[in-house]
Amino acid sequence: MAPSTVTDRQRLPTQLVHDSSLNRLAVVVDVLPATVDDLSVTVGSTQLRVTCELPDGCFERTIVPPRGYWFTDERNAMYNNGVLSVSLGTVHRRNRRPIPTR
Protein backbone atom coordinates (compact mmCIF):
# COMPACT_ATOMS: atom_id res chain seq x y z
CA MET A 1 0.00 0.00 0.00
CA ALA A 2 1.33 3.43 -0.91
CA PRO A 3 1.85 5.91 1.93
CA SER A 4 -0.65 8.73 2.22
CA THR A 5 0.37 12.18 1.06
CA VAL A 6 0.65 14.86 3.72
CA THR A 7 0.89 18.59 3.17
CA ASP A 8 3.22 19.79 5.90
CA ARG A 9 4.57 23.34 5.69
CA GLN A 10 7.08 22.66 8.45
CA ARG A 11 8.41 19.62 6.59
CA LEU A 12 8.96 21.35 3.24
CA PRO A 13 9.75 25.02 3.95
CA THR A 14 9.40 26.98 0.73
CA GLN A 15 10.42 30.41 -0.47
CA LEU A 16 8.89 32.05 -3.57
CA VAL A 17 10.11 35.14 -5.41
CA HIS A 18 8.28 36.39 -8.51
CA ASP A 19 10.04 38.91 -10.71
CA SER A 20 7.40 40.25 -13.09
CA SER A 21 9.97 42.30 -15.03
CA LEU A 22 11.84 39.07 -15.91
CA ASN A 23 8.69 36.92 -16.06
CA ARG A 24 10.27 34.37 -13.68
CA LEU A 25 9.18 32.66 -10.49
CA ALA A 26 12.01 31.32 -8.32
CA VAL A 27 11.03 28.55 -5.90
CA VAL A 28 13.38 27.19 -3.23
CA VAL A 29 12.31 24.17 -1.17
CA ASP A 30 14.23 22.71 1.77
CA VAL A 31 13.80 18.96 1.24
CA LEU A 32 16.51 17.71 3.61
CA PRO A 33 17.03 14.78 4.38
CA ALA A 34 15.68 13.75 0.96
CA THR A 35 18.02 12.78 -1.84
CA VAL A 36 17.37 13.56 -5.48
CA ASP A 37 15.97 10.02 -5.86
CA ASP A 38 13.29 10.81 -3.26
CA LEU A 39 11.92 13.78 -5.22
CA SER A 40 9.36 14.20 -7.95
CA VAL A 41 8.67 17.56 -9.61
CA THR A 42 5.75 18.07 -11.99
CA VAL A 43 4.77 21.32 -13.65
CA GLY A 44 1.76 22.38 -15.65
CA SER A 45 0.53 25.81 -16.69
CA THR A 46 -1.39 26.25 -13.43
CA GLN A 47 0.67 24.47 -10.78
CA LEU A 48 4.03 23.18 -9.63
CA ARG A 49 3.96 20.06 -7.46
CA VAL A 50 6.94 18.85 -5.42
CA THR A 51 6.60 15.39 -3.88
CA CYS A 52 9.13 14.06 -1.39
CA GLU A 53 9.01 10.40 -0.37
CA LEU A 54 10.72 9.72 2.95
CA PRO A 55 10.61 6.72 5.29
CA ASP A 56 8.16 8.54 7.60
CA GLY A 57 5.74 9.51 4.81
CA CYS A 58 5.15 11.18 1.50
CA PHE A 59 5.15 14.97 1.67
CA GLU A 60 3.81 17.27 -1.03
CA ARG A 61 3.90 20.96 -1.81
CA THR A 62 1.71 22.49 -4.52
CA ILE A 63 2.50 26.00 -5.76
CA VAL A 64 0.31 28.01 -8.09
CA PRO A 65 1.44 30.94 -10.25
CA PRO A 66 1.01 34.47 -8.94
CA ARG A 67 -2.49 35.88 -9.43
CA GLY A 68 -3.14 36.64 -13.08
CA TYR A 69 -0.21 34.56 -14.38
CA TRP A 70 0.42 31.13 -15.89
CA PHE A 71 3.59 29.07 -15.99
CA THR A 72 5.32 28.78 -19.38
CA ASP A 73 7.43 25.96 -20.80
CA GLU A 74 10.62 27.69 -19.57
CA ARG A 75 11.49 25.47 -16.61
CA ASN A 76 14.62 24.47 -14.74
CA ALA A 77 15.08 22.45 -11.54
CA MET A 78 18.25 21.72 -9.60
CA TYR A 79 18.91 19.78 -6.39
CA ASN A 80 21.95 20.56 -4.24
CA ASN A 81 22.66 19.48 -0.65
CA GLY A 82 19.02 19.13 0.42
CA VAL A 83 17.75 22.20 -1.41
CA LEU A 84 15.54 22.04 -4.50
CA SER A 85 15.64 25.18 -6.67
CA VAL A 86 13.07 25.58 -9.42
CA SER A 87 12.90 28.45 -11.90
CA LEU A 88 9.72 28.87 -13.93
CA GLY A 89 8.81 31.25 -16.69
CA THR A 90 5.56 33.17 -16.17
CA VAL A 91 3.28 35.01 -18.52
CA HIS A 92 0.44 37.34 -17.67
CA ARG A 93 -2.86 35.84 -18.80
CA ARG A 94 -3.81 38.88 -20.83
CA ASN A 95 -0.57 38.54 -22.85
CA ARG A 96 -1.02 34.86 -23.67
CA ARG A 97 -2.36 34.14 -27.11
CA PRO A 98 -5.56 32.11 -27.14
CA ILE A 99 -5.28 28.53 -28.33
CA PRO A 100 -7.38 28.06 -31.47
CA THR A 101 -10.17 25.49 -31.23
CA ARG A 102 -11.50 23.41 -34.09
C-alpha atoms as a PDB file:
ATOM      1  CA  MET A   1       0.000   0.000   0.000  1.00  0.00           C
ATOM      2  CA  ALA A   2       1.334   3.430  -0.910  1.00  0.00           C
ATOM      3  CA  PRO A   3       1.852   5.915   1.927  1.00  0.00           C
ATOM      4  CA  SER A   4      -0.646   8.726   2.222  1.00  0.00           C
ATOM      5  CA  THR A   5       0.368  12.175   1.058  1.00  0.00           C
ATOM      6  CA  VAL A   6       0.651  14.857   3.722  1.00  0.00           C
ATOM      7  CA  THR A   7       0.886  18.589   3.169  1.00  0.00           C
ATOM      8  CA  ASP A   8       3.217  19.789   5.905  1.00  0.00           C
ATOM      9  CA  ARG A   9       4.566  23.337   5.691  1.00  0.00           C
ATOM     10  CA  GLN A  10       7.078  22.658   8.451  1.00  0.00           C
ATOM     11  CA  ARG A  11       8.405  19.624   6.590  1.00  0.00           C
ATOM     12  CA  LEU A  12       8.960  21.351   3.236  1.00  0.00           C
ATOM     13  CA  PRO A  13       9.749  25.019   3.953  1.00  0.00           C
ATOM     14  CA  THR A  14       9.397  26.979   0.734  1.00  0.00           C
ATOM     15  CA  GLN A  15      10.425  30.414  -0.473  1.00  0.00           C
ATOM     16  CA  LEU A  16       8.890  32.055  -3.569  1.00  0.00           C
ATOM     17  CA  VAL A  17      10.110  35.139  -5.413  1.00  0.00           C
ATOM     18  CA  HIS A  18       8.277  36.394  -8.509  1.00  0.00           C
ATOM     19  CA  ASP A  19      10.044  38.914 -10.713  1.00  0.00           C
ATOM     20  CA  SER A  20       7.398  40.250 -13.087  1.00  0.00           C
ATOM     21  CA  SER A  21       9.971  42.298 -15.029  1.00  0.00           C
ATOM     22  CA  LEU A  22      11.844  39.070 -15.908  1.00  0.00           C
ATOM     23  CA  ASN A  23       8.689  36.919 -16.064  1.00  0.00           C
ATOM     24  CA  ARG A  24      10.272  34.368 -13.680  1.00  0.00           C
ATOM     25  CA  LEU A  25       9.177  32.657 -10.485  1.00  0.00           C
ATOM     26  CA  ALA A  26      12.012  31.323  -8.323  1.00  0.00           C
ATOM     27  CA  VAL A  27      11.032  28.547  -5.896  1.00  0.00           C
ATOM     28  CA  VAL A  28      13.383  27.188  -3.234  1.00  0.00           C
ATOM     29  CA  VAL A  29      12.307  24.166  -1.171  1.00  0.00           C
ATOM     30  CA  ASP A  30      14.227  22.706   1.770  1.00  0.00           C
ATOM     31  CA  VAL A  31      13.800  18.960   1.238  1.00  0.00           C
ATOM     32  CA  LEU A  32      16.510  17.714   3.614  1.00  0.00           C
ATOM     33  CA  PRO A  33      17.027  14.778   4.380  1.00  0.00           C
ATOM     34  CA  ALA A  34      15.679  13.755   0.959  1.00  0.00           C
ATOM     35  CA  THR A  35      18.016  12.784  -1.839  1.00  0.00           C
ATOM     36  CA  VAL A  36      17.367  13.556  -5.477  1.00  0.00           C
ATOM     37  CA  ASP A  37      15.971  10.021  -5.861  1.00  0.00           C
ATOM     38  CA  ASP A  38      13.285  10.814  -3.259  1.00  0.00           C
ATOM     39  CA  LEU A  39      11.918  13.780  -5.224  1.00  0.00           C
ATOM     40  CA  SER A  40       9.359  14.200  -7.949  1.00  0.00           C
ATOM     41  CA  VAL A  41       8.671  17.562  -9.610  1.00  0.00           C
ATOM     42  CA  THR A  42       5.753  18.066 -11.992  1.00  0.00           C
ATOM     43  CA  VAL A  43       4.769  21.322 -13.653  1.00  0.00           C
ATOM     44  CA  GLY A  44       1.760  22.383 -15.655  1.00  0.00           C
ATOM     45  CA  SER A  45       0.534  25.811 -16.695  1.00  0.00           C
ATOM     46  CA  THR A  46      -1.394  26.248 -13.433  1.00  0.00           C
ATOM     47  CA  GLN A  47       0.667  24.473 -10.785  1.00  0.00           C
ATOM     48  CA  LEU A  48       4.035  23.175  -9.632  1.00  0.00           C
ATOM     49  CA  ARG A  49       3.962  20.056  -7.459  1.00  0.00           C
ATOM     50  CA  VAL A  50       6.941  18.845  -5.418  1.00  0.00           C
ATOM     51  CA  THR A  51       6.602  15.387  -3.877  1.00  0.00           C
ATOM     52  CA  CYS A  52       9.133  14.060  -1.395  1.00  0.00           C
ATOM     53  CA  GLU A  53       9.008  10.403  -0.371  1.00  0.00           C
ATOM     54  CA  LEU A  54      10.715   9.722   2.946  1.00  0.00           C
ATOM     55  CA  PRO A  55      10.608   6.720   5.290  1.00  0.00           C
ATOM     56  CA  ASP A  56       8.158   8.539   7.596  1.00  0.00           C
ATOM     57  CA  GLY A  57       5.740   9.513   4.811  1.00  0.00           C
ATOM     58  CA  CYS A  58       5.155  11.182   1.500  1.00  0.00           C
ATOM     59  CA  PHE A  59       5.150  14.974   1.673  1.00  0.00           C
ATOM     60  CA  GLU A  60       3.815  17.267  -1.026  1.00  0.00           C
ATOM     61  CA  ARG A  61       3.905  20.958  -1.806  1.00  0.00           C
ATOM     62  CA  THR A  62       1.714  22.490  -4.516  1.00  0.00           C
ATOM     63  CA  ILE A  63       2.496  25.997  -5.758  1.00  0.00           C
ATOM     64  CA  VAL A  64       0.306  28.009  -8.086  1.00  0.00           C
ATOM     65  CA  PRO A  65       1.443  30.938 -10.253  1.00  0.00           C
ATOM     66  CA  PRO A  66       1.008  34.472  -8.939  1.00  0.00           C
ATOM     67  CA  ARG A  67      -2.493  35.875  -9.429  1.00  0.00           C
ATOM     68  CA  GLY A  68      -3.144  36.642 -13.082  1.00  0.00           C
ATOM     69  CA  TYR A  69      -0.205  34.556 -14.376  1.00  0.00           C
ATOM     70  CA  TRP A  70       0.421  31.130 -15.892  1.00  0.00           C
ATOM     71  CA  PHE A  71       3.589  29.074 -15.994  1.00  0.00           C
ATOM     72  CA  THR A  72       5.320  28.778 -19.376  1.00  0.00           C
ATOM     73  CA  ASP A  73       7.426  25.957 -20.805  1.00  0.00           C
ATOM     74  CA  GLU A  74      10.617  27.686 -19.573  1.00  0.00           C
ATOM     75  CA  ARG A  75      11.495  25.466 -16.614  1.00  0.00           C
ATOM     76  CA  ASN A  76      14.620  24.465 -14.742  1.00  0.00           C
ATOM     77  CA  ALA A  77      15.085  22.454 -11.543  1.00  0.00           C
ATOM     78  CA  MET A  78      18.250  21.722  -9.597  1.00  0.00           C
ATOM     79  CA  TYR A  79      18.909  19.777  -6.390  1.00  0.00           C
ATOM     80  CA  ASN A  80      21.955  20.556  -4.241  1.00  0.00           C
ATOM     81  CA  ASN A  81      22.660  19.476  -0.652  1.00  0.00           C
ATOM     82  CA  GLY A  82      19.017  19.126   0.415  1.00  0.00           C
ATOM     83  CA  VAL A  83      17.749  22.200  -1.413  1.00  0.00           C
ATOM     84  CA  LEU A  84      15.543  22.041  -4.495  1.00  0.00           C
ATOM     85  CA  SER A  85      15.640  25.176  -6.666  1.00  0.00           C
ATOM     86  CA  VAL A  86      13.067  25.580  -9.424  1.00  0.00           C
ATOM     87  CA  SER A  87      12.901  28.449 -11.901  1.00  0.00           C
ATOM     88  CA  LEU A  88       9.718  28.866 -13.933  1.00  0.00           C
ATOM     89  CA  GLY A  89       8.808  31.254 -16.693  1.00  0.00           C
ATOM     90  CA  THR A  90       5.560  33.167 -16.167  1.00  0.00           C
ATOM     91  CA  VAL A  91       3.283  35.014 -18.520  1.00  0.00           C
ATOM     92  CA  HIS A  92       0.438  37.340 -17.667  1.00  0.00           C
ATOM     93  CA  ARG A  93      -2.861  35.839 -18.796  1.00  0.00           C
ATOM     94  CA  ARG A  94      -3.812  38.878 -20.827  1.00  0.00           C
ATOM     95  CA  ASN A  95      -0.572  38.536 -22.851  1.00  0.00           C
ATOM     96  CA  ARG A  96      -1.018  34.858 -23.667  1.00  0.00           C
ATOM     97  CA  ARG A  97      -2.358  34.135 -27.115  1.00  0.00           C
ATOM     98  CA  PRO A  98      -5.563  32.112 -27.136  1.00  0.00           C
ATOM     99  CA  ILE A  99      -5.278  28.527 -28.331  1.00  0.00           C
ATOM    100  CA  PRO A 100      -7.384  28.060 -31.472  1.00  0.00           C
ATOM    101  CA  THR A 101     -10.171  25.493 -31.230  1.00  0.00           C
ATOM    102  CA  ARG A 102     -11.496  23.407 -34.089  1.00  0.00           C
END
